[in-house]
């Protein structure tokens, strides 16, 4: 007895791991998440767009450090949940902001030590990150 040919009735019915019956895995690859190379490629409803919007808001003075941190990490969580991916150097810029917020800055002034990063210094670092994003595709990080 021979096995069913690849793509035969059995493989279409079972679909293999991670697929639904009758689905075409090639279609999933074409329509699935892609890696964005620059800010201008990011859809407005993406988590990454939320991260960038929060960066602009803190640089423009529309939000304080605490609001910025909350909004930036909400955008990051959304991006991770939805499988959003970035290419280098775009990814590197947002990674640098992540490490800034995770390792160097605390949004609670009561918890800051004498050598901790101030709100002003954090905003300047975020401004520099927006300038780096701007250089990727001419997108303006500033208002």
Foldseek 3Di string as FASTA:
>chain_A
DDDDDVVDPVCQQVVPPPDHRNDDVVVCVVPAADAAAAPVVDDCPALVVQLLVLLQCLLVVVDFPVVSVVSNVVSVVRCVVRVYHYDPPLVVLSVVLVCCDVPAADRDPVPDDPPGDDRVNNNVSSVVSQVVRCVRPVDHSYD
